[in-house]
Each structure stands twice: as C-alpha cells, then as structure tokens.
Amino acid sequence: MTPLPALIEQLAASPERATTCVFSAVLRELRTEDGCSLPYKWCRAFHTSRADAGLGEEETLALCDMAAFLGRYDASQQTKELDYVRSRLCEIRERVRVETHIRGRLYRSCGVAIGVMTVLI
C-alpha cells in the first residue's frame, strides 16, 4: 500500500485541474508545522480550495469525512469506508444531475413563454 504522503504528492501532480488544486492544498497543509492533526489539515485544505476545484459544500463534507479513517485502519476497513464515501458522492452527483435537468426544462419553458409574449406584443 502506498503511504498517504506519497499518495497525496502523486495526486497533487495530477493532470486533472480539480485534483491538483485540492491535493496541492493538502500537501501545503501537511508541510506546515502548526501542531494540527491530519484530519484537521485535510479538511482545512478541502474547504479553502473547494471553490477553485468546483466542489460544493456537500461534496466537501463527504471528502472531509475521509480524513477520519485514512491511515488509521487496516486496508480492508479503509476500502469499506472509501466505498461508503464514494456512494455518498454518487448520490450527490445524481441529485445534482436531476436538479440540473429540471432547471434546464424550466429555463427552456420560460424562454418559450418569453418568446411567445414577445411575438404577441
């Protein structure tokens, strides 16, 4: 298993912009000697970089929950916890997809209504 600091360094060098943004912040936090715990630094990094990474509040909270178990349990327990976080993120993604679809239909309907009103006026 890859040690957590090495994994964070790899993620900070990712070609994916959002991943680089968040994990560069985590790496900076880890290199800061301020006496704070890993879970605190992890969450602080996610909260400070979430806007740049395009993360919402719910996604950020789900990802912050990961800090509670990373590096603390055996591999099978960590995998189980990661699967749980993944399922939460999938639920959030699906809810956002549905909301976006509903809003899209609403905006299309408003556009048609405005177009009809413009023609009538």
N, C-alpha and C. Protein backbone atom coordinates (compact mmCIF):
# COMPACT_ATOMS: atom_id res chain seq x y z
N MET A 1 0.84 -1.18 0.00
CA MET A 1 0.00 0.00 0.00
C MET A 1 0.89 1.25 0.00
N THR A 2 0.51 2.25 -0.75
CA THR A 2 1.27 3.49 -0.85
C THR A 2 1.06 4.33 0.41
N PRO A 3 2.13 4.83 1.01
CA PRO A 3 1.97 5.71 2.18
C PRO A 3 1.17 6.97 1.80
N LEU A 4 0.38 7.46 2.72
CA LEU A 4 -0.50 8.58 2.45
C LEU A 4 0.23 9.83 1.93
N PRO A 5 1.35 10.26 2.53
CA PRO A 5 2.03 11.45 2.00
C PRO A 5 2.48 11.27 0.54
N ALA A 6 2.95 10.07 0.18
CA ALA A 6 3.37 9.82 -1.20
C ALA A 6 2.17 9.85 -2.14
N LEU A 7 1.05 9.32 -1.69
CA LEU A 7 -0.16 9.33 -2.50
C LEU A 7 -0.65 10.76 -2.71
N ILE A 8 -0.58 11.57 -1.68
CA ILE A 8 -1.01 12.97 -1.80
C ILE A 8 -0.10 13.72 -2.77
N GLU A 9 1.20 13.46 -2.73
CA GLU A 9 2.12 14.08 -3.69
C GLU A 9 1.77 13.68 -5.12
N GLN A 10 1.45 12.42 -5.35
CA GLN A 10 1.06 11.97 -6.68
C GLN A 10 -0.22 12.67 -7.14
N LEU A 11 -1.18 12.79 -6.25
CA LEU A 11 -2.44 13.45 -6.61
C LEU A 11 -2.24 14.94 -6.86
N ALA A 12 -1.33 15.56 -6.12
CA ALA A 12 -1.04 16.99 -6.33
C ALA A 12 -0.42 17.23 -7.71
N ALA A 13 0.21 16.21 -8.28
CA ALA A 13 0.83 16.33 -9.60
C ALA A 13 -0.09 15.83 -10.72
N SER A 14 -1.34 15.58 -10.40
CA SER A 14 -2.31 15.06 -11.37
C SER A 14 -2.55 16.04 -12.51
N PRO A 15 -2.82 15.54 -13.72
CA PRO A 15 -3.17 16.44 -14.82
C PRO A 15 -4.59 17.00 -14.68
N GLU A 16 -5.39 16.41 -13.81
CA GLU A 16 -6.76 16.87 -13.57
C GLU A 16 -6.72 18.11 -12.69
N ARG A 17 -7.23 19.23 -13.19
CA ARG A 17 -7.13 20.52 -12.51
C ARG A 17 -7.71 20.50 -11.09
N ALA A 18 -8.90 19.97 -10.93
CA ALA A 18 -9.55 19.96 -9.62
C ALA A 18 -8.75 19.13 -8.61
N THR A 19 -8.25 17.99 -9.07
CA THR A 19 -7.46 17.13 -8.20
C THR A 19 -6.17 17.83 -7.77
N THR A 20 -5.50 18.44 -8.73
CA THR A 20 -4.26 19.17 -8.43
C THR A 20 -4.53 20.30 -7.44
N CYS A 21 -5.60 21.03 -7.65
CA CYS A 21 -5.95 22.16 -6.80
C CYS A 21 -6.13 21.71 -5.35
N VAL A 22 -6.93 20.70 -5.14
CA VAL A 22 -7.24 20.25 -3.79
C VAL A 22 -6.03 19.61 -3.12
N PHE A 23 -5.35 18.70 -3.83
CA PHE A 23 -4.27 17.96 -3.18
C PHE A 23 -2.99 18.78 -3.06
N SER A 24 -2.84 19.82 -3.85
CA SER A 24 -1.74 20.76 -3.61
C SER A 24 -1.97 21.50 -2.30
N ALA A 25 -3.23 21.84 -2.05
CA ALA A 25 -3.57 22.49 -0.78
C ALA A 25 -3.36 21.53 0.39
N VAL A 26 -3.72 20.26 0.22
CA VAL A 26 -3.49 19.27 1.28
C VAL A 26 -1.99 19.14 1.54
N LEU A 27 -1.21 19.07 0.48
CA LEU A 27 0.24 18.93 0.62
C LEU A 27 0.84 20.14 1.35
N ARG A 28 0.39 21.34 1.00
CA ARG A 28 0.86 22.55 1.70
C ARG A 28 0.52 22.49 3.18
N GLU A 29 -0.70 22.04 3.47
CA GLU A 29 -1.12 21.92 4.87
C GLU A 29 -0.24 20.92 5.62
N LEU A 30 0.05 19.78 4.99
CA LEU A 30 0.86 18.76 5.65
C LEU A 30 2.27 19.24 5.93
N ARG A 31 2.77 20.10 5.06
CA ARG A 31 4.14 20.61 5.23
C ARG A 31 4.22 21.73 6.26
N THR A 32 3.07 22.24 6.67
CA THR A 32 3.03 23.30 7.68
C THR A 32 3.11 22.67 9.07
N GLU A 33 4.09 23.08 9.83
CA GLU A 33 4.26 22.57 11.20
C GLU A 33 3.50 23.47 12.17
N ASP A 34 2.22 23.19 12.34
CA ASP A 34 1.42 24.03 13.23
C ASP A 34 0.76 23.23 14.35
N GLY A 35 1.11 21.95 14.47
CA GLY A 35 0.58 21.12 15.53
C GLY A 35 -0.82 20.60 15.30
N CYS A 36 -1.40 20.90 14.14
CA CYS A 36 -2.76 20.43 13.85
C CYS A 36 -2.71 18.99 13.35
N SER A 37 -3.78 18.28 13.57
CA SER A 37 -3.87 16.87 13.17
C SER A 37 -4.10 16.74 11.67
N LEU A 38 -3.85 15.54 11.15
CA LEU A 38 -4.09 15.27 9.73
C LEU A 38 -5.54 15.52 9.36
N PRO A 39 -6.52 15.00 10.11
CA PRO A 39 -7.92 15.27 9.73
C PRO A 39 -8.24 16.77 9.66
N TYR A 40 -7.70 17.54 10.59
CA TYR A 40 -7.96 18.99 10.59
C TYR A 40 -7.33 19.64 9.36
N LYS A 41 -6.08 19.29 9.07
CA LYS A 41 -5.38 19.86 7.91
C LYS A 41 -6.07 19.45 6.61
N TRP A 42 -6.48 18.20 6.54
CA TRP A 42 -7.17 17.68 5.35
C TRP A 42 -8.43 18.51 5.09
N CYS A 43 -9.25 18.67 6.12
CA CYS A 43 -10.50 19.42 5.96
C CYS A 43 -10.25 20.89 5.66
N ARG A 44 -9.28 21.48 6.32
CA ARG A 44 -8.96 22.88 6.05
C ARG A 44 -8.54 23.06 4.60
N ALA A 45 -7.76 22.14 4.08
CA ALA A 45 -7.32 22.23 2.67
C ALA A 45 -8.52 22.08 1.73
N PHE A 46 -9.41 21.15 2.02
CA PHE A 46 -10.58 20.97 1.15
C PHE A 46 -11.50 22.18 1.20
N HIS A 47 -11.68 22.76 2.38
CA HIS A 47 -12.55 23.93 2.48
C HIS A 47 -11.94 25.15 1.80
N THR A 48 -10.64 25.34 1.91
CA THR A 48 -10.03 26.52 1.29
C THR A 48 -9.91 26.39 -0.23
N SER A 49 -9.86 25.18 -0.75
CA SER A 49 -9.68 25.01 -2.20
C SER A 49 -10.94 24.56 -2.92
N ARG A 50 -12.02 24.38 -2.20
CA ARG A 50 -13.22 23.80 -2.82
C ARG A 50 -13.80 24.65 -3.94
N ALA A 51 -13.80 25.96 -3.80
CA ALA A 51 -14.36 26.81 -4.85
C ALA A 51 -13.53 26.70 -6.13
N ASP A 52 -12.21 26.74 -5.99
CA ASP A 52 -11.33 26.62 -7.16
C ASP A 52 -11.45 25.25 -7.82
N ALA A 53 -11.75 24.23 -7.01
CA ALA A 53 -11.88 22.87 -7.54
C ALA A 53 -13.29 22.57 -8.04
N GLY A 54 -14.22 23.48 -7.80
CA GLY A 54 -15.59 23.28 -8.24
C GLY A 54 -16.39 22.33 -7.37
N LEU A 55 -16.02 22.24 -6.10
CA LEU A 55 -16.73 21.36 -5.17
C LEU A 55 -17.79 22.14 -4.41
N GLY A 56 -18.92 21.53 -4.21
CA GLY A 56 -19.97 22.12 -3.39
C GLY A 56 -19.75 21.78 -1.93
N GLU A 57 -20.60 22.32 -1.09
CA GLU A 57 -20.47 22.09 0.35
C GLU A 57 -20.66 20.61 0.71
N GLU A 58 -21.67 19.97 0.11
CA GLU A 58 -21.93 18.56 0.42
C GLU A 58 -20.77 17.66 0.03
N GLU A 59 -20.22 17.89 -1.17
CA GLU A 59 -19.08 17.09 -1.61
C GLU A 59 -17.88 17.29 -0.70
N THR A 60 -17.67 18.53 -0.31
CA THR A 60 -16.55 18.85 0.57
C THR A 60 -16.69 18.14 1.92
N LEU A 61 -17.88 18.16 2.47
CA LEU A 61 -18.11 17.48 3.75
C LEU A 61 -17.89 15.97 3.63
N ALA A 62 -18.35 15.39 2.53
CA ALA A 62 -18.15 13.94 2.32
C ALA A 62 -16.66 13.63 2.21
N LEU A 63 -15.92 14.46 1.49
CA LEU A 63 -14.48 14.23 1.34
C LEU A 63 -13.73 14.50 2.65
N CYS A 64 -14.23 15.42 3.45
CA CYS A 64 -13.60 15.68 4.75
C CYS A 64 -13.78 14.48 5.69
N ASP A 65 -14.88 13.79 5.55
CA ASP A 65 -15.10 12.61 6.39
C ASP A 65 -14.03 11.55 6.17
N MET A 66 -13.42 11.54 4.99
CA MET A 66 -12.37 10.56 4.70
C MET A 66 -11.19 10.69 5.65
N ALA A 67 -10.92 11.89 6.09
CA ALA A 67 -9.75 12.14 6.95
C ALA A 67 -9.84 11.37 8.26
N ALA A 68 -11.04 11.04 8.68
CA ALA A 68 -11.21 10.34 9.95
C ALA A 68 -10.69 8.92 9.93
N PHE A 69 -10.60 8.31 8.75
CA PHE A 69 -10.17 6.91 8.70
C PHE A 69 -8.93 6.65 7.87
N LEU A 70 -8.49 7.62 7.06
CA LEU A 70 -7.30 7.40 6.24
C LEU A 70 -6.07 7.16 7.10
N GLY A 71 -5.40 6.05 6.88
CA GLY A 71 -4.19 5.73 7.61
C GLY A 71 -4.41 5.21 9.02
N ARG A 72 -5.65 5.06 9.44
CA ARG A 72 -5.93 4.64 10.81
C ARG A 72 -6.30 3.17 10.94
N TYR A 73 -6.85 2.61 9.88
CA TYR A 73 -7.35 1.24 9.95
C TYR A 73 -6.61 0.37 8.95
N ASP A 74 -6.91 -0.92 8.99
CA ASP A 74 -6.30 -1.82 8.01
C ASP A 74 -6.90 -1.55 6.63
N ALA A 75 -6.28 -2.12 5.62
CA ALA A 75 -6.66 -1.84 4.24
C ALA A 75 -8.12 -2.18 3.95
N SER A 76 -8.61 -3.30 4.48
CA SER A 76 -9.99 -3.69 4.19
C SER A 76 -10.99 -2.71 4.80
N GLN A 77 -10.72 -2.22 6.00
CA GLN A 77 -11.61 -1.25 6.63
C GLN A 77 -11.56 0.09 5.89
N GLN A 78 -10.37 0.50 5.47
CA GLN A 78 -10.26 1.75 4.71
C GLN A 78 -11.01 1.63 3.38
N THR A 79 -10.90 0.48 2.73
CA THR A 79 -11.61 0.26 1.47
C THR A 79 -13.12 0.35 1.68
N LYS A 80 -13.59 -0.25 2.77
CA LYS A 80 -15.01 -0.20 3.10
C LYS A 80 -15.46 1.25 3.31
N GLU A 81 -14.68 2.01 4.03
CA GLU A 81 -15.02 3.42 4.28
C GLU A 81 -14.96 4.24 2.99
N LEU A 82 -13.97 3.99 2.15
CA LEU A 82 -13.86 4.69 0.87
C LEU A 82 -15.06 4.37 -0.02
N ASP A 83 -15.51 3.12 0.00
CA ASP A 83 -16.70 2.75 -0.77
C ASP A 83 -17.92 3.52 -0.28
N TYR A 84 -18.01 3.71 1.02
CA TYR A 84 -19.13 4.48 1.58
C TYR A 84 -19.09 5.93 1.10
N VAL A 85 -17.90 6.54 1.16
CA VAL A 85 -17.76 7.93 0.70
C VAL A 85 -18.08 8.01 -0.80
N ARG A 86 -17.60 7.04 -1.56
CA ARG A 86 -17.89 7.00 -3.00
C ARG A 86 -19.39 6.94 -3.25
N SER A 87 -20.11 6.13 -2.48
CA SER A 87 -21.56 6.03 -2.66
C SER A 87 -22.24 7.36 -2.32
N ARG A 88 -21.77 8.03 -1.29
CA ARG A 88 -22.33 9.36 -0.95
C ARG A 88 -22.10 10.35 -2.08
N LEU A 89 -20.89 10.34 -2.65
CA LEU A 89 -20.58 11.25 -3.75
C LEU A 89 -21.43 10.94 -4.99
N CYS A 90 -21.66 9.65 -5.25
CA CYS A 90 -22.52 9.26 -6.38
C CYS A 90 -23.95 9.74 -6.17
N GLU A 91 -24.45 9.64 -4.93
CA GLU A 91 -25.79 10.13 -4.62
C GLU A 91 -25.88 11.64 -4.84
N ILE A 92 -24.86 12.35 -4.41
CA ILE A 92 -24.84 13.81 -4.60
C ILE A 92 -24.82 14.13 -6.09
N ARG A 93 -23.97 13.43 -6.85
CA ARG A 93 -23.86 13.67 -8.29
C ARG A 93 -25.21 13.43 -8.97
N GLU A 94 -25.89 12.35 -8.60
CA GLU A 94 -27.18 12.04 -9.21
C GLU A 94 -28.23 13.10 -8.86
N ARG A 95 -28.24 13.54 -7.62
CA ARG A 95 -29.19 14.58 -7.21
C ARG A 95 -28.94 15.88 -7.99
N VAL A 96 -27.68 16.25 -8.15
CA VAL A 96 -27.34 17.47 -8.90
C VAL A 96 -27.73 17.31 -10.37
N ARG A 97 -27.52 16.11 -10.93
CA ARG A 97 -27.88 15.86 -12.32
C ARG A 97 -29.39 16.04 -12.52
N VAL A 98 -30.19 15.49 -11.60
CA VAL A 98 -31.65 15.61 -11.69
C VAL A 98 -32.07 17.07 -11.54
N GLU A 99 -31.49 17.77 -10.57
CA GLU A 99 -31.83 19.18 -10.36
C GLU A 99 -31.47 20.02 -11.59
N THR A 100 -30.33 19.74 -12.19
CA THR A 100 -29.90 20.47 -13.39
C THR A 100 -30.86 20.20 -14.54
N HIS A 101 -31.29 18.96 -14.69
CA HIS A 101 -32.23 18.60 -15.74
C HIS A 101 -33.56 19.34 -15.55
N ILE A 102 -34.04 19.37 -14.31
CA ILE A 102 -35.31 20.05 -14.01
C ILE A 102 -35.18 21.54 -14.28
N ARG A 103 -34.07 22.14 -13.83
CA ARG A 103 -33.86 23.57 -14.09
C ARG A 103 -33.76 23.85 -15.57
N GLY A 104 -33.11 22.97 -16.30
CA GLY A 104 -32.98 23.15 -17.76
C GLY A 104 -34.33 23.19 -18.42
N ARG A 105 -35.23 22.28 -18.02
CA ARG A 105 -36.58 22.28 -18.58
C ARG A 105 -37.33 23.55 -18.21
N LEU A 106 -37.15 24.01 -16.97
CA LEU A 106 -37.81 25.23 -16.53
C LEU A 106 -37.32 26.42 -17.35
N TYR A 107 -36.01 26.53 -17.54
CA TYR A 107 -35.46 27.65 -18.31
C TYR A 107 -35.91 27.60 -19.76
N ARG A 108 -36.00 26.40 -20.34
CA ARG A 108 -36.49 26.27 -21.72
C ARG A 108 -37.94 26.75 -21.79
N SER A 109 -38.75 26.34 -20.82
CA SER A 109 -40.17 26.74 -20.80
C SER A 109 -40.30 28.25 -20.66
N CYS A 110 -39.48 28.84 -19.80
CA CYS A 110 -39.50 30.30 -19.63
C CYS A 110 -39.09 30.99 -20.92
N GLY A 111 -38.10 30.45 -21.59
CA GLY A 111 -37.64 31.04 -22.85
C GLY A 111 -38.73 31.01 -23.91
N VAL A 112 -39.43 29.88 -23.99
CA VAL A 112 -40.53 29.77 -24.96
C VAL A 112 -41.63 30.75 -24.60
N ALA A 113 -41.97 30.85 -23.33
CA ALA A 113 -43.03 31.76 -22.90
C ALA A 113 -42.67 33.21 -23.20
N ILE A 114 -41.42 33.57 -22.95
CA ILE A 114 -40.97 34.94 -23.24
C ILE A 114 -41.01 35.19 -24.75
N GLY A 115 -40.62 34.17 -25.52
CA GLY A 115 -40.67 34.32 -26.98
C GLY A 115 -42.09 34.52 -27.47
N VAL A 116 -43.03 33.76 -26.93
CA VAL A 116 -44.44 33.91 -27.32
C VAL A 116 -44.94 35.30 -26.92
N MET A 117 -44.60 35.74 -25.71
CA MET A 117 -45.04 37.07 -25.26
C MET A 117 -44.46 38.15 -26.15
N THR A 118 -43.22 38.00 -26.57
CA THR A 118 -42.59 38.99 -27.45
C THR A 118 -43.32 39.07 -28.79
N VAL A 119 -43.69 37.93 -29.33
CA VAL A 119 -44.40 37.89 -30.61
C VAL A 119 -45.77 38.53 -30.47
N LEU A 120 -46.43 38.28 -29.34
CA LEU A 120 -47.78 38.83 -29.14
C LEU A 120 -47.75 40.34 -28.91
N ILE A 121 -46.70 40.83 -28.31
CA ILE A 121 -46.62 42.26 -28.02
C ILE A 121 -46.21 42.94 -29.28
